[in-house]
Amino acid sequence: MVSTHVDIDMAEWTPGTAFYGPTALHDGKEIVQLKILSDRRQQGGGIAWLAKFSPPPGKLIKIVATALSDEHVFNLEGGRATKAGTPARSAGGYTLNPTGQAHSALIATETVSLVIYTGEPERDRVDGGGRSGPMRG
């Protein structure tokens, strides 16, 4: 097998709707973008990508999913938030969602994560219309 090398700076962000579906759009704008780093699913392996979540101003992105394979998430920038929009976890964190594990996340600020699946990626449900707590009127 040949090694795979990706120049992260040269790789382009692609629409997240291919994996996250139409809910990765908010008012016609992509709120989830991906840089696919490797995809070995055809050879029985997994897929790895950088995911960028960009919540609309004053709103949260809510992700609800069940892992279809082991999912390793390394938070590189930004992080998870509470329902009120305050930071709950910052950059530098790691999460393992094992196969079959139901999980969720709230994201209030632009967040970039390295996500590695050992097999098929989950089909997440993304909602970018949630208002963060401090923005309620």
C-alpha atoms as a PDB file:
ATOM      1  CA  MET A   1       0.000   0.000   0.000  1.00  0.00           C
ATOM      2  CA  VAL A   2       1.155   3.524  -0.809  1.00  0.00           C
ATOM      3  CA  SER A   3       1.265   6.345   1.747  1.00  0.00           C
ATOM      4  CA  THR A   4      -1.174   9.211   1.366  1.00  0.00           C
ATOM      5  CA  HIS A   5       0.043  12.790   1.761  1.00  0.00           C
ATOM      6  CA  VAL A   6      -2.237  15.847   1.779  1.00  0.00           C
ATOM      7  CA  ASP A   7      -1.114  19.486   1.785  1.00  0.00           C
ATOM      8  CA  ILE A   8      -3.752  20.837   4.175  1.00  0.00           C
ATOM      9  CA  ASP A   9      -3.201  24.447   3.109  1.00  0.00           C
ATOM     10  CA  MET A  10      -3.746  23.577  -0.569  1.00  0.00           C
ATOM     11  CA  ALA A  11      -6.755  21.312  -0.017  1.00  0.00           C
ATOM     12  CA  GLU A  12     -10.074  23.069  -0.597  1.00  0.00           C
ATOM     13  CA  TRP A  13     -13.052  23.037   1.728  1.00  0.00           C
ATOM     14  CA  THR A  14     -15.913  21.105   0.126  1.00  0.00           C
ATOM     15  CA  PRO A  15     -19.626  21.241   0.978  1.00  0.00           C
ATOM     16  CA  GLY A  16     -20.563  19.114   3.969  1.00  0.00           C
ATOM     17  CA  THR A  17     -23.955  18.336   2.468  1.00  0.00           C
ATOM     18  CA  ALA A  18     -22.482  15.247   0.745  1.00  0.00           C
ATOM     19  CA  PHE A  19     -22.204  13.563   4.166  1.00  0.00           C
ATOM     20  CA  TYR A  20     -24.410  15.664   6.457  1.00  0.00           C
ATOM     21  CA  GLY A  21     -27.289  16.183   4.020  1.00  0.00           C
ATOM     22  CA  PRO A  22     -29.341  19.326   3.376  1.00  0.00           C
ATOM     23  CA  THR A  23     -29.422  20.252   7.060  1.00  0.00           C
ATOM     24  CA  ALA A  24     -25.774  21.317   6.656  1.00  0.00           C
ATOM     25  CA  LEU A  25     -27.177  24.441   4.991  1.00  0.00           C
ATOM     26  CA  HIS A  26     -28.637  27.466   6.755  1.00  0.00           C
ATOM     27  CA  ASP A  27     -30.315  30.124   4.630  1.00  0.00           C
ATOM     28  CA  GLY A  28     -28.509  28.657   1.588  1.00  0.00           C
ATOM     29  CA  LYS A  29     -25.050  28.875   3.188  1.00  0.00           C
ATOM     30  CA  GLU A  30     -22.875  25.846   3.998  1.00  0.00           C
ATOM     31  CA  ILE A  31     -22.428  25.672   7.775  1.00  0.00           C
ATOM     32  CA  VAL A  32     -20.423  22.423   7.555  1.00  0.00           C
ATOM     33  CA  GLN A  33     -17.433  22.066   5.226  1.00  0.00           C
ATOM     34  CA  LEU A  34     -15.006  19.178   4.809  1.00  0.00           C
ATOM     35  CA  LYS A  35     -11.482  18.519   3.595  1.00  0.00           C
ATOM     36  CA  ILE A  36     -11.361  14.789   2.801  1.00  0.00           C
ATOM     37  CA  LEU A  37      -7.903  13.545   3.816  1.00  0.00           C
ATOM     38  CA  SER A  38      -8.298   9.873   2.932  1.00  0.00           C
ATOM     39  CA  ASP A  39     -11.086   7.535   1.931  1.00  0.00           C
ATOM     40  CA  ARG A  40     -10.266   3.818   2.088  1.00  0.00           C
ATOM     41  CA  ARG A  41     -13.825   2.520   2.472  1.00  0.00           C
ATOM     42  CA  GLN A  42     -13.658   0.718  -0.892  1.00  0.00           C
ATOM     43  CA  GLN A  43     -10.676  -1.251   0.492  1.00  0.00           C
ATOM     44  CA  GLY A  44     -12.468  -2.085   3.750  1.00  0.00           C
ATOM     45  CA  GLY A  45     -10.977   0.836   5.687  1.00  0.00           C
ATOM     46  CA  GLY A  46     -12.372   4.117   6.892  1.00  0.00           C
ATOM     47  CA  ILE A  47     -12.434   7.790   6.020  1.00  0.00           C
ATOM     48  CA  ALA A  48     -10.700  10.814   7.551  1.00  0.00           C
ATOM     49  CA  TRP A  49     -11.525  14.478   7.145  1.00  0.00           C
ATOM     50  CA  LEU A  50     -11.161  17.913   8.593  1.00  0.00           C
ATOM     51  CA  ALA A  51     -14.598  19.260   9.454  1.00  0.00           C
ATOM     52  CA  LYS A  52     -15.291  22.977   9.804  1.00  0.00           C
ATOM     53  CA  PHE A  53     -18.506  23.978  11.537  1.00  0.00           C
ATOM     54  CA  SER A  54     -19.504  27.646  11.080  1.00  0.00           C
ATOM     55  CA  PRO A  55     -22.609  28.548  13.095  1.00  0.00           C
ATOM     56  CA  PRO A  56     -24.665  31.489  11.843  1.00  0.00           C
ATOM     57  CA  PRO A  57     -24.313  34.597  14.046  1.00  0.00           C
ATOM     58  CA  GLY A  58     -26.200  34.193  17.323  1.00  0.00           C
ATOM     59  CA  LYS A  59     -27.055  30.545  16.618  1.00  0.00           C
ATOM     60  CA  LEU A  60     -25.822  27.088  17.601  1.00  0.00           C
ATOM     61  CA  ILE A  61     -25.140  24.073  15.424  1.00  0.00           C
ATOM     62  CA  LYS A  62     -26.594  20.944  16.996  1.00  0.00           C
ATOM     63  CA  ILE A  63     -25.273  17.556  15.873  1.00  0.00           C
ATOM     64  CA  VAL A  64     -27.073  14.345  16.798  1.00  0.00           C
ATOM     65  CA  ALA A  65     -25.642  11.024  15.606  1.00  0.00           C
ATOM     66  CA  THR A  66     -25.039   7.346  16.221  1.00  0.00           C
ATOM     67  CA  ALA A  67     -21.581   6.055  15.335  1.00  0.00           C
ATOM     68  CA  LEU A  68     -21.656   3.519  12.457  1.00  0.00           C
ATOM     69  CA  SER A  69     -17.969   2.782  13.124  1.00  0.00           C
ATOM     70  CA  ASP A  70     -15.463   3.959  15.715  1.00  0.00           C
ATOM     71  CA  GLU A  71     -15.213   7.743  15.401  1.00  0.00           C
ATOM     72  CA  HIS A  72     -12.110   9.554  16.651  1.00  0.00           C
ATOM     73  CA  VAL A  73     -12.520  13.338  16.991  1.00  0.00           C
ATOM     74  CA  PHE A  74      -9.584  15.673  17.670  1.00  0.00           C
ATOM     75  CA  ASN A  75     -10.747  19.246  18.298  1.00  0.00           C
ATOM     76  CA  LEU A  76      -8.220  21.560  16.636  1.00  0.00           C
ATOM     77  CA  GLU A  77      -9.940  24.977  16.840  1.00  0.00           C
ATOM     78  CA  GLY A  78     -13.032  26.234  18.612  1.00  0.00           C
ATOM     79  CA  GLY A  79     -14.965  23.643  20.582  1.00  0.00           C
ATOM     80  CA  ARG A  80     -18.238  22.458  21.992  1.00  0.00           C
ATOM     81  CA  ALA A  81     -20.673  24.698  23.834  1.00  0.00           C
ATOM     82  CA  THR A  82     -23.526  24.594  26.306  1.00  0.00           C
ATOM     83  CA  LYS A  83     -27.133  25.376  25.304  1.00  0.00           C
ATOM     84  CA  ALA A  84     -26.427  28.939  26.419  1.00  0.00           C
ATOM     85  CA  GLY A  85     -23.571  29.158  23.905  1.00  0.00           C
ATOM     86  CA  THR A  86     -20.767  29.291  26.491  1.00  0.00           C
ATOM     87  CA  PRO A  87     -17.691  27.138  25.838  1.00  0.00           C
ATOM     88  CA  ALA A  88     -17.823  23.625  27.316  1.00  0.00           C
ATOM     89  CA  ARG A  89     -14.738  22.098  25.682  1.00  0.00           C
ATOM     90  CA  SER A  90     -11.947  23.893  23.902  1.00  0.00           C
ATOM     91  CA  ALA A  91      -9.375  23.059  21.257  1.00  0.00           C
ATOM     92  CA  GLY A  92      -7.060  20.208  22.068  1.00  0.00           C
ATOM     93  CA  GLY A  93      -9.690  17.759  23.254  1.00  0.00           C
ATOM     94  CA  TYR A  94     -10.161  14.189  22.016  1.00  0.00           C
ATOM     95  CA  THR A  95     -13.323  12.080  21.907  1.00  0.00           C
ATOM     96  CA  LEU A  96     -13.870   8.452  20.898  1.00  0.00           C
ATOM     97  CA  ASN A  97     -17.429   7.543  19.935  1.00  0.00           C
ATOM     98  CA  PRO A  98     -17.389   3.725  19.616  1.00  0.00           C
ATOM     99  CA  THR A  99     -19.541   1.897  17.081  1.00  0.00           C
ATOM    100  CA  GLY A 100     -23.204   2.114  18.078  1.00  0.00           C
ATOM    101  CA  GLN A 101     -22.712   5.028  20.497  1.00  0.00           C
ATOM    102  CA  ALA A 102     -25.386   7.722  20.310  1.00  0.00           C
ATOM    103  CA  HIS A 103     -23.885  11.173  20.860  1.00  0.00           C
ATOM    104  CA  SER A 104     -24.464  14.866  20.271  1.00  0.00           C
ATOM    105  CA  ALA A 105     -22.669  18.192  20.270  1.00  0.00           C
ATOM    106  CA  LEU A 106     -23.523  21.887  20.359  1.00  0.00           C
ATOM    107  CA  ILE A 107     -21.201  24.282  18.541  1.00  0.00           C
ATOM    108  CA  ALA A 108     -21.404  28.056  19.073  1.00  0.00           C
ATOM    109  CA  THR A 109     -18.186  29.283  17.399  1.00  0.00           C
ATOM    110  CA  GLU A 110     -16.317  28.269  14.268  1.00  0.00           C
ATOM    111  CA  THR A 111     -14.815  24.876  15.047  1.00  0.00           C
ATOM    112  CA  VAL A 112     -12.354  22.702  13.132  1.00  0.00           C
ATOM    113  CA  SER A 113     -11.895  19.038  14.027  1.00  0.00           C
ATOM    114  CA  LEU A 114      -9.941  16.107  12.634  1.00  0.00           C
ATOM    115  CA  VAL A 115     -12.441  13.239  12.385  1.00  0.00           C
ATOM    116  CA  ILE A 116     -11.322   9.672  11.670  1.00  0.00           C
ATOM    117  CA  TYR A 117     -13.801   6.849  11.110  1.00  0.00           C
ATOM    118  CA  THR A 118     -12.591   3.231  11.122  1.00  0.00           C
ATOM    119  CA  GLY A 119     -15.367   2.330   8.658  1.00  0.00           C
ATOM    120  CA  GLU A 120     -18.449   4.116   7.379  1.00  0.00           C
ATOM    121  CA  PRO A 121     -19.084   7.634   8.691  1.00  0.00           C
ATOM    122  CA  GLU A 122     -22.289   8.269  10.553  1.00  0.00           C
ATOM    123  CA  ARG A 123     -25.104  10.140   8.933  1.00  0.00           C
ATOM    124  CA  ASP A 124     -25.307  13.028  11.358  1.00  0.00           C
ATOM    125  CA  ARG A 125     -28.320  15.212  11.776  1.00  0.00           C
ATOM    126  CA  VAL A 126     -27.198  18.837  11.819  1.00  0.00           C
ATOM    127  CA  ASP A 127     -29.375  21.758  12.872  1.00  0.00           C
ATOM    128  CA  GLY A 128     -27.923  25.219  12.411  1.00  0.00           C
ATOM    129  CA  GLY A 129     -31.013  27.135  13.401  1.00  0.00           C
ATOM    130  CA  GLY A 130     -30.824  26.830  17.171  1.00  0.00           C
ATOM    131  CA  ARG A 131     -30.430  30.077  19.013  1.00  0.00           C
ATOM    132  CA  SER A 132     -27.858  30.268  21.733  1.00  0.00           C
ATOM    133  CA  GLY A 133     -29.145  31.186  25.180  1.00  0.00           C
ATOM    134  CA  PRO A 134     -27.770  34.734  25.489  1.00  0.00           C
ATOM    135  CA  MET A 135     -29.387  35.683  22.185  1.00  0.00           C
ATOM    136  CA  ARG A 136     -32.944  34.922  23.350  1.00  0.00           C
ATOM    137  CA  GLY A 137     -35.146  37.957  23.429  1.00  0.00           C
END
